[in-house]
Amino acid sequence: MKRETLILLVAVTLVAGGAQGETNESAESWRWTLPEFMPPPRVPADNAMSEARFQLGRKLFYDARLSGNGKEACASCHEQRLAFTDGR
């Protein structure tokens, strides 16, 4: 229970800290780097993409401390070169 509480507290702190100083960017102002055949994802107007949010997501994706055993990041299985799948 203490571990889950600590993880939640760290996540909330990171999100709150990452949101400071952001501008109100709309979903259209974010430059999506996607293949031409792929439409941009739907993004709620009150939760628009920004560079800070992108970087936070990247940090969390590669952070092993958030896993159940503290040793495996999401990136351990979900490989970027395989479109973030596990290759199965």
Protein backbone atom coordinates (compact mmCIF):
# COMPACT_ATOMS: atom_id res chain seq x y z
CA MET A 1 0.00 0.00 0.00
CA LYS A 2 2.79 2.42 0.85
CA ARG A 3 4.48 1.78 -2.50
CA GLU A 4 1.31 2.57 -4.47
CA THR A 5 0.79 5.74 -2.46
CA LEU A 6 4.37 6.81 -3.12
CA ILE A 7 4.05 6.13 -6.85
CA LEU A 8 0.80 8.09 -7.00
CA LEU A 9 2.35 11.00 -5.12
CA VAL A 10 5.37 11.06 -7.45
CA ALA A 11 3.14 10.92 -10.54
CA VAL A 12 0.94 13.78 -9.30
CA THR A 13 4.01 15.85 -8.46
CA LEU A 14 5.51 15.27 -11.91
CA VAL A 15 2.28 16.18 -13.67
CA ALA A 16 1.77 19.30 -11.55
CA GLY A 17 5.37 20.38 -12.02
CA GLY A 18 5.26 19.73 -15.74
CA ALA A 19 2.13 21.84 -16.16
CA GLN A 20 3.69 25.02 -14.78
CA GLY A 21 4.36 27.70 -17.34
CA GLU A 22 2.56 25.97 -20.19
CA THR A 23 0.62 27.96 -22.70
CA ASN A 24 -2.88 27.05 -23.78
CA GLU A 25 -1.94 25.27 -26.97
CA SER A 26 -4.76 23.80 -28.99
CA ALA A 27 -4.57 20.31 -30.46
CA GLU A 28 -4.15 21.88 -33.91
CA SER A 29 -1.06 23.84 -32.86
CA TRP A 30 0.85 20.68 -31.89
CA ARG A 31 2.96 19.33 -34.74
CA TRP A 32 2.13 15.66 -35.01
CA THR A 33 4.85 13.65 -36.73
CA LEU A 34 2.74 10.91 -38.27
CA PRO A 35 2.65 9.02 -41.56
CA GLU A 36 0.40 10.70 -44.15
CA PHE A 37 -2.18 7.90 -44.00
CA MET A 38 -2.62 8.27 -40.23
CA PRO A 39 -4.97 10.94 -38.88
CA PRO A 40 -3.94 12.88 -35.77
CA PRO A 41 -5.34 11.44 -32.53
CA ARG A 42 -8.31 13.05 -30.84
CA VAL A 43 -7.15 15.31 -28.03
CA PRO A 44 -9.57 16.93 -25.55
CA ALA A 45 -9.54 20.73 -25.75
CA ASP A 46 -8.89 20.96 -22.01
CA ASN A 47 -5.89 18.61 -22.25
CA ALA A 48 -4.02 19.80 -25.34
CA MET A 49 -0.60 18.46 -26.26
CA SER A 50 2.52 20.44 -25.43
CA GLU A 51 6.26 19.84 -25.48
CA ALA A 52 6.31 19.55 -21.68
CA ARG A 53 3.61 16.86 -21.69
CA PHE A 54 5.36 15.01 -24.48
CA GLN A 55 8.64 15.00 -22.53
CA LEU A 56 6.87 13.85 -19.35
CA GLY A 57 5.32 10.93 -21.22
CA ARG A 58 8.72 10.00 -22.62
CA LYS A 59 10.30 10.06 -19.15
CA LEU A 60 7.53 7.92 -17.66
CA PHE A 61 7.71 5.43 -20.56
CA TYR A 62 11.41 4.78 -19.94
CA ASP A 63 11.29 4.91 -16.11
CA ALA A 64 11.61 1.45 -14.56
CA ARG A 65 10.76 2.70 -11.08
CA LEU A 66 7.06 2.80 -11.97
CA SER A 67 6.83 -0.95 -12.61
CA GLY A 68 5.63 -3.51 -10.11
CA ASN A 69 9.13 -4.83 -9.50
CA GLY A 70 10.94 -1.51 -10.04
CA LYS A 71 13.18 -3.04 -12.71
CA GLU A 72 11.23 -2.91 -15.97
CA ALA A 73 10.10 0.16 -17.88
CA CYS A 74 7.26 0.12 -20.40
CA ALA A 75 10.04 0.37 -22.98
CA SER A 76 11.38 -3.00 -21.82
CA CYS A 77 8.61 -4.73 -23.79
CA HIS A 78 7.03 -2.03 -25.95
CA GLU A 79 9.76 -1.29 -28.45
CA GLN A 80 9.79 1.99 -30.36
CA ARG A 81 11.18 0.30 -33.48
CA LEU A 82 8.12 -1.99 -33.45
CA ALA A 83 5.61 0.90 -33.22
CA PHE A 84 5.61 0.56 -29.42
CA THR A 85 4.28 -3.00 -29.53
CA ASP A 86 5.82 -6.01 -27.85
CA GLY A 87 6.40 -7.70 -31.21
CA ARG A 88 3.88 -10.47 -30.71
